[in-house]
């Protein structure tokens, strides 16, 4: 854990407690609070009313990367797809213009040096997930050195507090995370790294990272939005996660009163309970929302077939013979 002391001789535990208080204060200013939710752990709760369409919370990613690195599918900073130019030094990062390149420079300067030192064979191993980890580590380094600003909703402590579910990960995946952690160490040899912590963070990516999409919901990249990751799933969500560029916005789908838990859907909800529960396995929980508890009738409709008789408005179940 990285939790830095809040002052002089404070312990990591005291530092984390001070950060948690700061997070609650910052969220309170947005009409929100982190609270314990029965059966779910922590969650994000409205501390005031929100109307449909209102932005509940928005966040820039703590770290993000395009899905297709070598092709240059989108700008490394804003995820725009037009007029892209490759970084002339590392030849991995792409930018839509000088504004985005300057915005990203403090971070990319370190990444660029690390990537440029790699052999061509090692560069081929720079998957989006590996690059996301490299960017996360470099951002943590810059914030700890106070080279870039941080806040209660934009610092590594919030990443550190995310659930990894590492104890539930199968052995093959654990071996893969260990191999990926070793690769990150090879890419960043000048930074002292805890390989076990990196493996845990890869596990956090699997159940906390979000796919950044364009307005047509086409995937552009992956981002880690730690404050938004506090929001729990429901198959009948009262909010929706959308993106403008790389910024994530959570908007209310219905009126929310004070003390209501904010929920979004992690998966495609137009599916049967069995399919939804299967899709949710990567998040290591079983949904018990009202729809999952009583939707046998809806499941029948989703799995059924329309009767061939045009005059009949009924439907046939797959096993009805």
Protein backbone atom coordinates (compact mmCIF):
# COMPACT_ATOMS: atom_id res chain seq x y z
CA UNK A 1 0.00 0.00 0.00
CA UNK A 2 1.21 3.45 -0.83
CA UNK A 3 -0.85 5.48 1.66
CA UNK A 4 1.47 8.39 2.43
CA UNK A 5 1.51 9.98 5.86
CA UNK A 6 -0.60 13.09 6.10
CA UNK A 7 1.97 14.85 8.25
CA UNK A 8 5.34 14.45 9.97
CA UNK A 9 5.30 11.21 11.94
CA UNK A 10 1.76 10.06 11.08
CA UNK A 11 1.40 6.36 10.32
CA UNK A 12 0.07 5.09 6.95
CA UNK A 13 -3.20 4.16 8.72
CA UNK A 14 -3.53 7.74 10.06
CA UNK A 15 -2.66 9.10 6.63
CA UNK A 16 -5.35 6.96 5.00
CA UNK A 17 -7.91 8.06 7.61
CA UNK A 18 -7.07 11.72 6.94
CA UNK A 19 -7.41 11.13 3.19
CA UNK A 20 -10.80 9.39 3.69
CA UNK A 21 -12.05 12.42 5.64
CA UNK A 22 -10.81 14.70 2.85
CA UNK A 23 -12.60 12.52 0.27
CA UNK A 24 -15.88 12.74 2.21
CA UNK A 25 -15.53 16.55 2.42
CA UNK A 26 -14.86 16.85 -1.31
CA UNK A 27 -17.79 14.59 -2.19
CA UNK A 28 -20.06 16.45 0.27
CA UNK A 29 -19.44 19.56 -1.82
CA UNK A 30 -20.93 17.65 -4.77
CA UNK A 31 -23.94 16.43 -2.77
CA UNK A 32 -22.53 12.92 -2.36
CA UNK A 33 -21.13 10.63 0.32
CA UNK A 34 -19.37 7.28 0.56
CA UNK A 35 -21.39 4.97 2.79
CA UNK A 36 -21.54 1.34 3.83
CA UNK A 37 -24.25 -0.47 1.83
CA UNK A 38 -25.63 -3.74 3.26
CA UNK A 39 -24.46 -6.71 1.22
CA UNK A 40 -22.30 -4.58 -1.07
CA UNK A 41 -19.57 -2.99 1.03
CA UNK A 42 -19.11 0.68 0.31
CA UNK A 43 -21.10 2.66 -2.23
CA UNK A 44 -21.83 6.19 -3.42
CA UNK A 45 -24.94 7.75 -1.88
CA UNK A 46 -26.78 10.96 -2.81
CA UNK A 47 -26.70 13.53 -0.01
CA UNK A 48 -29.20 15.76 -1.86
CA UNK A 49 -31.79 15.40 -4.59
CA UNK A 50 -30.75 14.94 -8.24
CA UNK A 51 -33.09 15.35 -11.20
CA UNK A 52 -33.09 13.17 -14.36
CA UNK A 53 -30.22 14.08 -16.68
CA UNK A 54 -28.28 15.92 -13.98
CA UNK A 55 -24.56 15.13 -13.67
CA UNK A 56 -24.06 13.34 -10.36
CA UNK A 57 -20.27 13.12 -10.62
CA UNK A 58 -17.65 13.56 -13.33
CA UNK A 59 -14.00 12.57 -13.31
CA UNK A 60 -10.89 12.61 -15.47
CA UNK A 61 -9.09 9.25 -15.53
CA UNK A 62 -6.26 8.70 -13.07
CA UNK A 63 -4.64 6.78 -15.93
CA UNK A 64 -5.88 5.95 -19.41
CA UNK A 65 -4.65 4.47 -22.66
CA UNK A 66 -6.05 3.89 -26.17
CA UNK A 67 -7.13 0.35 -27.06
CA UNK A 68 -4.94 0.02 -30.12
CA UNK A 69 -1.50 1.41 -29.37
CA UNK A 70 0.50 0.68 -32.53
CA UNK A 71 -2.22 1.72 -34.97
CA UNK A 72 -2.77 5.20 -33.58
CA UNK A 73 -6.54 4.85 -33.26
CA UNK A 74 -7.00 7.86 -30.98
CA UNK A 75 -5.21 10.71 -29.22
CA UNK A 76 -3.43 9.63 -26.05
CA UNK A 77 -4.88 12.57 -24.11
CA UNK A 78 -8.38 13.40 -25.41
CA UNK A 79 -9.16 10.22 -27.43
CA UNK A 80 -10.05 12.20 -30.57
CA UNK A 81 -9.47 10.20 -33.76
CA UNK A 82 -8.62 12.84 -36.39
CA UNK A 83 -5.28 14.31 -37.58
CA UNK A 84 -3.15 12.13 -35.31
CA UNK A 85 0.62 12.43 -35.19
CA UNK A 86 3.00 9.94 -33.63
CA UNK A 87 5.54 10.93 -30.96
CA UNK A 88 8.77 11.22 -32.95
CA UNK A 89 10.89 9.80 -30.11
CA UNK A 90 9.13 6.71 -28.70
CA UNK A 91 6.85 6.27 -31.73
CA UNK A 92 4.15 4.77 -29.50
CA UNK A 93 2.06 7.73 -28.29
CA UNK A 94 -0.23 9.62 -30.69
CA UNK A 95 -1.64 13.14 -30.33
CA UNK A 96 -4.24 15.16 -32.21
CA UNK A 97 -2.27 18.39 -31.76
CA UNK A 98 0.18 20.39 -29.68
CA UNK A 99 -2.41 21.27 -26.99
CA UNK A 100 -2.94 17.63 -26.00
CA UNK A 101 0.76 16.86 -26.34
CA UNK A 102 1.59 19.68 -23.89
CA UNK A 103 -1.16 18.58 -21.47
CA UNK A 104 0.32 15.08 -21.41
CA UNK A 105 3.99 16.05 -21.56
CA UNK A 106 5.02 15.78 -17.88
CA UNK A 107 3.71 12.23 -17.81
CA UNK A 108 4.72 11.24 -21.32
CA UNK A 109 8.25 12.62 -20.91
CA UNK A 110 8.93 9.87 -18.35
CA UNK A 111 7.02 7.24 -20.32
CA UNK A 112 8.79 8.26 -23.52
CA UNK A 113 12.23 7.80 -21.95
CA UNK A 114 11.26 4.37 -20.63
CA UNK A 115 9.74 3.16 -23.91
CA UNK A 116 12.59 4.52 -26.04
CA UNK A 117 15.07 2.43 -24.03
CA UNK A 118 13.22 -0.79 -24.89
CA UNK A 119 14.23 -3.17 -27.66
CA UNK A 120 11.81 -3.54 -30.56
CA UNK A 121 10.85 -6.98 -29.22
CA UNK A 122 9.96 -5.54 -25.82
CA UNK A 123 8.00 -2.70 -27.44
CA UNK A 124 5.76 -5.35 -29.03
CA UNK A 125 4.82 -6.45 -25.50
CA UNK A 126 3.38 -3.00 -24.68
CA UNK A 127 -0.27 -4.02 -24.50
CA UNK A 128 -2.86 -1.40 -23.46
CA UNK A 129 -3.04 -2.98 -19.98
CA UNK A 130 0.75 -2.84 -19.50
CA UNK A 131 0.82 0.75 -20.69
CA UNK A 132 -2.06 1.65 -18.36
CA UNK A 133 0.00 0.32 -15.43
CA UNK A 134 3.12 2.22 -16.55
CA UNK A 135 1.13 5.46 -16.75
CA UNK A 136 -0.45 4.84 -13.34
CA UNK A 137 2.96 4.31 -11.69
CA UNK A 138 4.44 7.39 -13.35
CA UNK A 139 1.45 9.53 -12.32
CA UNK A 140 1.83 8.34 -8.73
CA UNK A 141 5.53 9.26 -8.89
CA UNK A 142 4.81 12.76 -10.25
CA UNK A 143 2.13 13.40 -7.62
CA UNK A 144 4.34 12.17 -4.77
CA UNK A 145 7.06 14.57 -5.99
CA UNK A 146 4.41 17.33 -6.26
CA UNK A 147 5.32 17.79 -9.93
CA UNK A 148 1.60 17.60 -10.78
CA UNK A 149 -1.39 18.45 -8.55
CA UNK A 150 -3.53 15.95 -6.67
CA UNK A 151 -6.83 16.04 -4.80
CA UNK A 152 -8.97 13.71 -2.69
CA UNK A 153 -10.60 12.34 -5.85
CA UNK A 154 -7.39 12.41 -7.92
CA UNK A 155 -4.61 10.60 -6.09
CA UNK A 156 -3.17 7.13 -5.70
CA UNK A 157 -4.76 6.58 -2.27
CA UNK A 158 -8.12 6.19 -4.02
CA UNK A 159 -6.62 3.59 -6.37
CA UNK A 160 -5.02 1.89 -3.37
CA UNK A 161 -8.45 1.63 -1.69
CA UNK A 162 -10.05 -0.19 -4.65
CA UNK A 163 -10.98 -3.86 -4.21
CA UNK A 164 -8.70 -6.31 -6.06
CA UNK A 165 -10.52 -9.61 -5.25
CA UNK A 166 -7.06 -11.18 -5.61
CA UNK A 167 -8.02 -14.09 -3.30
CA UNK A 168 -10.71 -15.13 -5.81
CA UNK A 169 -8.45 -15.01 -8.89
CA UNK A 170 -7.50 -18.42 -10.34
CA UNK A 171 -3.89 -19.63 -10.38
CA UNK A 172 -3.36 -19.19 -14.13
CA UNK A 173 -4.44 -15.56 -13.92
CA UNK A 174 -2.18 -15.00 -10.90
CA UNK A 175 0.80 -16.32 -12.89
CA UNK A 176 -0.10 -13.95 -15.74
CA UNK A 177 -0.32 -10.97 -13.34
CA UNK A 178 3.12 -11.90 -11.94
CA UNK A 179 4.59 -12.04 -15.45
CA UNK A 180 3.01 -8.69 -16.32
CA UNK A 181 4.41 -7.17 -13.10
CA UNK A 182 7.90 -8.36 -14.08
CA UNK A 183 7.50 -6.76 -17.50
CA UNK A 184 6.52 -3.45 -15.89
CA UNK A 185 9.68 -3.65 -13.77
CA UNK A 186 11.75 -4.13 -16.93
CA UNK A 187 10.10 -1.06 -18.49
CA UNK A 188 10.65 1.10 -15.37
CA UNK A 189 14.02 -0.09 -13.97
CA UNK A 190 14.78 3.24 -12.26
CA UNK A 191 11.68 3.09 -10.04
CA UNK A 192 11.61 0.85 -6.98
CA UNK A 193 8.51 -1.28 -7.40
CA UNK A 194 6.63 -3.77 -5.25
CA UNK A 195 5.83 -6.61 -7.67
CA UNK A 196 3.13 -8.03 -5.41
CA UNK A 197 1.41 -4.63 -5.27
CA UNK A 198 1.57 -4.35 -9.07
CA UNK A 199 0.00 -7.81 -9.46
CA UNK A 200 -2.77 -6.75 -7.08
CA UNK A 201 -3.29 -3.56 -9.11
CA UNK A 202 -3.62 -5.57 -12.34
CA UNK A 203 -6.39 -7.47 -10.56
CA UNK A 204 -7.97 -4.12 -9.65
CA UNK A 205 -7.91 -3.15 -13.34
CA UNK A 206 -9.94 -6.26 -14.20
CA UNK A 207 -12.85 -5.30 -11.95
CA UNK A 208 -12.54 -1.49 -11.71
CA UNK A 209 -11.30 -0.09 -15.04
CA UNK A 210 -13.88 1.32 -17.48
CA UNK A 211 -14.01 1.21 -21.26
CA UNK A 212 -13.92 4.75 -22.65
CA UNK A 213 -16.45 5.00 -25.50
CA UNK A 214 -17.36 7.55 -28.16
CA UNK A 215 -20.95 8.92 -28.46
CA UNK A 216 -21.88 5.87 -30.58
CA UNK A 217 -20.60 3.64 -27.73
CA UNK A 218 -17.65 2.39 -29.78
CA UNK A 219 -14.73 1.50 -27.47
CA UNK A 220 -11.76 3.87 -27.71
CA UNK A 221 -9.64 2.93 -24.74
CA UNK A 222 -9.48 2.05 -21.08
CA UNK A 223 -9.39 4.35 -18.07
CA UNK A 224 -9.22 4.05 -14.31
CA UNK A 225 -11.72 6.38 -12.63
CA UNK A 226 -11.30 5.57 -8.91
CA UNK A 227 -14.07 7.81 -7.55
CA UNK A 228 -16.57 6.46 -10.08
CA UNK A 229 -15.44 2.91 -9.25
CA UNK A 230 -17.05 3.40 -5.82
CA UNK A 231 -20.46 3.23 -7.56
CA UNK A 232 -22.08 -0.20 -7.32
CA UNK A 233 -23.86 -2.15 -10.05
CA UNK A 234 -27.58 -2.74 -10.53
CA UNK A 235 -29.46 -4.34 -13.43
CA UNK A 236 -32.04 -1.58 -12.85
CA UNK A 237 -29.64 1.36 -12.46
CA UNK A 238 -30.74 4.85 -11.50
CA UNK A 239 -27.77 6.45 -13.28
CA UNK A 240 -25.73 5.94 -16.45
CA UNK A 241 -22.01 6.29 -17.21
CA UNK A 242 -21.18 8.30 -20.34
CA UNK A 243 -18.01 9.81 -21.80
CA UNK A 244 -17.12 13.12 -23.42
CA UNK A 245 -13.61 12.65 -24.73
CA UNK A 246 -11.83 10.97 -21.85
CA UNK A 247 -13.97 12.54 -19.12
CA UNK A 248 -16.47 10.21 -17.44
CA UNK A 249 -19.90 11.58 -16.49
CA UNK A 250 -22.46 9.81 -14.33
CA UNK A 251 -25.95 11.20 -15.03
CA UNK A 252 -29.18 10.47 -13.18
CA UNK A 253 -31.72 8.38 -15.13
CA UNK A 254 -34.53 9.18 -12.71
CA UNK A 255 -35.18 11.51 -9.77
CA UNK A 256 -32.87 10.65 -6.88
CA UNK A 257 -33.75 11.68 -3.34
CA UNK A 258 -31.28 12.21 -0.53
CA UNK A 259 -29.86 8.99 0.98
CA UNK A 260 -30.47 7.03 -2.25
CA UNK A 261 -27.59 4.83 -3.38
CA UNK A 262 -26.31 5.75 -6.85
CA UNK A 263 -26.09 2.72 -9.16
CA UNK A 264 -24.93 2.13 -12.72
CA UNK A 265 -24.87 -1.02 -14.84
CA UNK A 266 -21.48 -2.62 -15.45
CA UNK A 267 -22.88 -4.80 -18.24
CA UNK A 268 -25.44 -4.93 -21.06
CA UNK A 269 -28.76 -5.19 -19.22
CA UNK A 270 -30.89 -6.39 -22.18
CA UNK A 271 -30.16 -10.03 -21.38
CA UNK A 272 -31.51 -12.85 -19.26
CA UNK A 273 -30.60 -13.21 -15.59
CA UNK A 274 -28.32 -16.16 -16.41
CA UNK A 275 -26.43 -14.16 -19.06
CA UNK A 276 -26.16 -11.08 -16.84
CA UNK A 277 -24.85 -13.11 -13.90
CA UNK A 278 -22.33 -14.78 -16.19
CA UNK A 279 -21.15 -11.37 -17.46
CA UNK A 280 -20.79 -10.15 -13.87
CA UNK A 281 -18.46 -13.00 -12.87
CA UNK A 282 -15.39 -10.89 -13.69
CA UNK A 283 -16.48 -8.51 -10.90
CA UNK A 284 -16.70 -11.33 -8.33
CA UNK A 285 -20.22 -10.76 -7.04
CA UNK A 286 -23.75 -12.02 -7.65
CA UNK A 287 -26.31 -9.30 -8.29
CA UNK A 288 -29.35 -9.35 -6.00
CA UNK A 289 -31.15 -6.32 -7.42
CA UNK A 290 -34.98 -6.48 -7.69
CA UNK A 291 -34.79 -7.50 -11.34
CA UNK A 292 -32.47 -10.43 -10.61
CA UNK A 293 -34.70 -11.66 -7.77
CA UNK A 294 -37.96 -11.63 -9.75
CA UNK A 295 -37.59 -11.57 -13.49
CA UNK A 296 -38.60 -15.09 -14.54
CA UNK A 297 -41.40 -13.59 -16.66
CA UNK A 298 -39.01 -11.15 -18.31
CA UNK A 299 -36.50 -13.96 -18.92
CA UNK A 300 -39.24 -15.93 -20.68
CA UNK A 301 -39.91 -12.97 -22.98
CA UNK A 302 -36.21 -12.46 -23.71
CA UNK A 303 -35.67 -16.15 -24.50
CA UNK A 304 -38.96 -16.74 -26.30
CA UNK A 305 -39.83 -16.73 -29.99
CA UNK A 306 -42.74 -15.00 -31.65
CA UNK A 307 -45.47 -17.37 -32.79
CA UNK A 308 -45.49 -18.01 -36.56
CA UNK A 309 -49.22 -17.36 -36.58
CA UNK A 310 -49.50 -13.64 -37.43
CA UNK A 311 -52.82 -13.42 -35.56
CA UNK A 312 -51.27 -14.73 -32.34
CA UNK A 313 -49.62 -12.25 -30.01
CA UNK A 314 -48.15 -14.96 -27.78
CA UNK A 315 -44.62 -16.37 -27.78
CA UNK A 316 -42.93 -19.76 -27.65
CA UNK A 317 -40.31 -20.76 -25.09
CA UNK A 318 -37.19 -22.50 -26.47
CA UNK A 319 -38.06 -25.75 -24.66
CA UNK A 320 -41.78 -25.71 -25.40
CA UNK A 321 -41.43 -28.28 -28.20
